C-alpha atoms as a PDB file:
ATOM      1  CA  MET A   1      27.025  16.863  -7.454  1.00  0.00           C
ATOM      2  CA  GLU A   2      23.557  18.189  -8.299  1.00  0.00           C
ATOM      3  CA  PHE A   3      20.264  16.349  -8.704  1.00  0.00           C
ATOM      4  CA  ARG A   4      16.748  17.503  -9.511  1.00  0.00           C
ATOM      5  CA  CYS A   5      13.575  15.961  -8.126  1.00  0.00           C
ATOM      6  CA  LYS A   6      10.706  15.525 -10.544  1.00  0.00           C
ATOM      7  CA  ASP A   7       8.792  18.351  -8.832  1.00  0.00           C
ATOM      8  CA  ASP A   8      11.654  20.844  -9.325  1.00  0.00           C
ATOM      9  CA  PRO A   9      10.105  23.703 -11.348  1.00  0.00           C
ATOM     10  CA  GLU A  10      13.134  23.552 -13.668  1.00  0.00           C
ATOM     11  CA  ALA A  11      13.215  19.741 -14.073  1.00  0.00           C
ATOM     12  CA  ASN A  12      13.430  18.381 -17.606  1.00  0.00           C
ATOM     13  CA  SER A  13      14.370  21.841 -18.947  1.00  0.00           C
ATOM     14  CA  ARG A  14      10.915  23.269 -18.368  1.00  0.00           C
ATOM     15  CA  LYS A  15      10.206  26.886 -17.486  1.00  0.00           C
ATOM     16  CA  PRO A  16       8.796  27.499 -13.983  1.00  0.00           C
ATOM     17  CA  LEU A  17       5.232  28.739 -13.786  1.00  0.00           C
ATOM     18  CA  VAL A  18       4.407  31.932 -11.923  1.00  0.00           C
ATOM     19  CA  GLY A  19       4.251  31.169  -8.199  1.00  0.00           C
ATOM     20  CA  GLU A  20       6.229  27.917  -8.313  1.00  0.00           C
ATOM     21  CA  GLN A  21       9.017  27.677  -5.795  1.00  0.00           C
ATOM     22  CA  ARG A  22      12.347  25.936  -6.067  1.00  0.00           C
ATOM     23  CA  PHE A  23      14.178  24.729  -2.985  1.00  0.00           C
ATOM     24  CA  SER A  24      17.823  23.696  -2.964  1.00  0.00           C
ATOM     25  CA  LEU A  25      19.075  21.464  -0.173  1.00  0.00           C
ATOM     26  CA  LYS A  26      22.829  21.127   0.337  1.00  0.00           C
ATOM     27  CA  PHE A  27      24.370  18.110   2.068  1.00  0.00           C
ATOM     28  CA  PRO A  28      28.114  17.851   2.770  1.00  0.00           C
ATOM     29  CA  LEU A  29      29.546  14.447   1.820  1.00  0.00           C
ATOM     30  CA  GLU A  30      32.399  12.566   3.471  1.00  0.00           C
ATOM     31  CA  ASN A  31      34.659  13.081   0.459  1.00  0.00           C
ATOM     32  CA  GLY A  32      34.462  16.877   0.861  1.00  0.00           C
ATOM     33  CA  GLU A  33      32.014  17.420  -1.993  1.00  0.00           C
ATOM     34  CA  ASP A  34      28.460  18.681  -1.599  1.00  0.00           C
ATOM     35  CA  LEU A  35      25.269  17.002  -2.742  1.00  0.00           C
ATOM     36  CA  ILE A  36      22.790  19.632  -3.902  1.00  0.00           C
ATOM     37  CA  LEU A  37      19.191  18.544  -4.326  1.00  0.00           C
ATOM     38  CA  HIS A  38      16.806  20.857  -6.194  1.00  0.00           C
ATOM     39  CA  CYS A  39      13.142  20.218  -5.503  1.00  0.00           C
ATOM     40  CA  GLY A  40       9.680  21.717  -5.458  1.00  0.00           C
ATOM     41  CA  LYS A  41       7.465  22.556  -2.508  1.00  0.00           C
ATOM     42  CA  GLU A  42       5.940  19.063  -2.177  1.00  0.00           C
ATOM     43  CA  THR A  43       9.311  17.324  -1.777  1.00  0.00           C
ATOM     44  CA  PHE A  44      10.602  20.083   0.503  1.00  0.00           C
ATOM     45  CA  ASP A  45       7.524  19.790   2.755  1.00  0.00           C
ATOM     46  CA  ARG A  46       7.925  16.001   2.974  1.00  0.00           C
ATOM     47  CA  PHE A  47      11.611  16.367   3.819  1.00  0.00           C
ATOM     48  CA  ALA A  48      10.851  18.978   6.505  1.00  0.00           C
ATOM     49  CA  GLU A  49       8.181  16.691   8.000  1.00  0.00           C
ATOM     50  CA  MET A  50      10.626  13.771   8.097  1.00  0.00           C
ATOM     51  CA  ILE A  51      13.309  15.862   9.831  1.00  0.00           C
ATOM     52  CA  GLY A  52      10.730  17.126  12.331  1.00  0.00           C
ATOM     53  CA  LYS A  53       9.642  13.586  13.170  1.00  0.00           C
ATOM     54  CA  MET A  54      13.278  12.526  13.606  1.00  0.00           C
ATOM     55  CA  MET A  55      13.840  15.395  16.047  1.00  0.00           C
ATOM     56  CA  VAL A  56      10.737  14.439  18.070  1.00  0.00           C
ATOM     57  CA  ASP A  57      11.805  10.782  18.126  1.00  0.00           C
ATOM     58  CA  ASP A  58      15.326  11.736  19.252  1.00  0.00           C
ATOM     59  CA  GLU A  59      13.925  13.913  22.022  1.00  0.00           C
ATOM     60  CA  LEU A  60      11.573  11.166  23.213  1.00  0.00           C
ATOM     61  CA  GLU A  61      14.383   8.623  23.143  1.00  0.00           C
ATOM     62  CA  ALA A  62      16.664  10.924  25.144  1.00  0.00           C
ATOM     63  CA  SER A  63      13.952  11.455  27.765  1.00  0.00           C
ATOM     64  CA  GLY A  64      13.150   7.733  27.979  1.00  0.00           C
ATOM     65  CA  GLU A  65       9.568   8.127  26.737  1.00  0.00           C
ATOM     66  CA  GLN A  66       7.995   5.900  24.104  1.00  0.00           C
ATOM     67  CA  HIS A  67       6.528   7.144  20.860  1.00  0.00           C
ATOM     68  CA  SER A  68       3.189   5.686  19.761  1.00  0.00           C
END
């Protein structure tokens, strides 16, 4: 299963501009298939930020500290 975000340089059959980057994220699904998400730098950066925040929150929760 593959999906493209609107900021994927190849979304809507367009040709990528020089310097544009495409990121492909692969997620295994419970049914054994993979979900592949193609996106541009903006979506990738937001996703990376979200994962980073989740890791910090998990670490704080494990240590018993509170996050403000």
